[in-house]
Amino acid sequence: MESIQLLNTAIIKSKEKKVNQSFEERLNQVCNSPVIEILNKCITQYAETQKISRDQAALQVVEAIRELDSIWSDYVVMEGIDRLKNLLRNTH
């Protein structure tokens, strides 16, 4: 059990090295970008047309974008697996 905890700690620490530590600067840049301004307007309009709060509208927008990202991630993985299978079939 101690070995598992040690490995988990090592995995987390190794990821820490890859994280960009300039959170504040990055967040400020994104929040002040034109795309966020447009998203804000879209969220407001969506909330009005659906008769929901802006919080609910923002959540639905984020969930939809995450779902799209997930779908495409799955697709790319499956495409890669298919290519690997074909490559392995052709080498045998």
Protein backbone atom coordinates (compact mmCIF):
# COMPACT_ATOMS: atom_id res chain seq x y z
CA MET A 1 0.00 0.00 0.00
CA GLU A 2 2.85 2.37 0.77
CA SER A 3 4.28 1.76 -2.72
CA ILE A 4 0.98 2.78 -4.32
CA GLN A 5 0.90 6.01 -2.33
CA LEU A 6 4.50 6.68 -3.28
CA LEU A 7 3.75 6.10 -6.98
CA ASN A 8 0.63 8.28 -6.84
CA THR A 9 2.63 11.08 -5.24
CA ALA A 10 5.35 10.75 -7.89
CA ILE A 11 2.78 10.88 -10.70
CA ILE A 12 1.22 14.04 -9.30
CA LYS A 13 4.60 15.71 -8.75
CA SER A 14 5.68 14.87 -12.30
CA LYS A 15 2.57 16.54 -13.68
CA GLU A 16 3.32 19.65 -11.64
CA LYS A 17 6.41 20.27 -13.77
CA LYS A 18 4.28 20.40 -16.93
CA VAL A 19 1.76 22.94 -15.60
CA ASN A 20 2.14 26.50 -16.78
CA GLN A 21 2.36 28.51 -13.56
CA SER A 22 1.29 31.85 -15.05
CA PHE A 23 -2.38 31.30 -14.17
CA GLU A 24 -3.14 34.92 -13.40
CA GLU A 25 -1.62 36.27 -16.60
CA ARG A 26 -3.25 33.60 -18.77
CA LEU A 27 -6.64 34.11 -17.13
CA ASN A 28 -6.39 37.87 -17.60
CA GLN A 29 -5.50 37.47 -21.30
CA VAL A 30 -8.40 35.11 -21.96
CA CYS A 31 -10.93 37.13 -19.98
CA ASN A 32 -10.04 40.27 -21.90
CA SER A 33 -10.12 38.62 -25.32
CA PRO A 34 -12.72 39.44 -28.00
CA VAL A 35 -13.92 35.83 -28.03
CA ILE A 36 -14.97 36.06 -24.38
CA GLU A 37 -16.83 39.29 -25.13
CA ILE A 38 -18.73 37.51 -27.91
CA LEU A 39 -19.42 34.48 -25.70
CA ASN A 40 -20.80 36.80 -23.05
CA LYS A 41 -23.22 38.29 -25.58
CA CYS A 42 -24.22 34.84 -26.81
CA ILE A 43 -24.84 33.62 -23.27
CA THR A 44 -27.01 36.64 -22.55
CA GLN A 45 -29.03 36.16 -25.72
CA TYR A 46 -29.36 32.40 -25.12
CA ALA A 47 -30.54 33.01 -21.55
CA GLU A 48 -33.17 35.46 -22.78
CA THR A 49 -34.47 33.23 -25.57
CA GLN A 50 -34.59 30.14 -23.35
CA LYS A 51 -35.92 32.09 -20.36
CA ILE A 52 -33.20 30.79 -18.07
CA SER A 53 -30.61 32.51 -15.90
CA ARG A 54 -27.27 33.59 -17.35
CA ASP A 55 -25.62 31.10 -14.97
CA GLN A 56 -27.68 28.26 -16.43
CA ALA A 57 -27.00 29.46 -19.96
CA ALA A 58 -23.24 29.65 -19.33
CA LEU A 59 -23.27 26.17 -17.84
CA GLN A 60 -25.12 24.77 -20.85
CA VAL A 61 -22.67 26.42 -23.25
CA VAL A 62 -19.68 25.02 -21.38
CA GLU A 63 -21.26 21.55 -21.20
CA ALA A 64 -21.98 21.60 -24.95
CA ILE A 65 -18.40 22.62 -25.76
CA ARG A 66 -17.02 19.95 -23.43
CA GLU A 67 -19.26 17.34 -25.06
CA LEU A 68 -18.02 18.36 -28.52
CA ASP A 69 -14.44 18.14 -27.30
CA SER A 70 -15.11 14.71 -25.80
CA ILE A 71 -16.74 13.45 -28.99
CA TRP A 72 -13.83 14.59 -31.12
CA SER A 73 -11.29 13.17 -28.66
CA ASP A 74 -13.05 9.81 -28.85
CA TYR A 75 -13.17 10.02 -32.63
CA VAL A 76 -9.47 10.82 -32.91
CA VAL A 77 -8.59 7.94 -30.56
CA MET A 78 -10.75 5.51 -32.54
CA GLU A 79 -9.26 6.75 -35.81
CA GLY A 80 -5.78 6.15 -34.39
CA ILE A 81 -6.74 2.68 -33.18
CA ASP A 82 -8.13 1.80 -36.61
CA ARG A 83 -4.93 2.98 -38.27
CA LEU A 84 -2.83 0.95 -35.84
CA LYS A 85 -4.94 -2.15 -36.51
CA ASN A 86 -4.53 -1.70 -40.25
CA LEU A 87 -0.81 -1.14 -39.85
CA LEU A 88 -0.47 -4.27 -37.73
CA ARG A 89 -2.55 -6.30 -40.20
CA ASN A 90 -0.37 -5.19 -43.08
CA THR A 91 2.88 -6.05 -41.28
CA HIS A 92 1.82 -9.65 -40.59
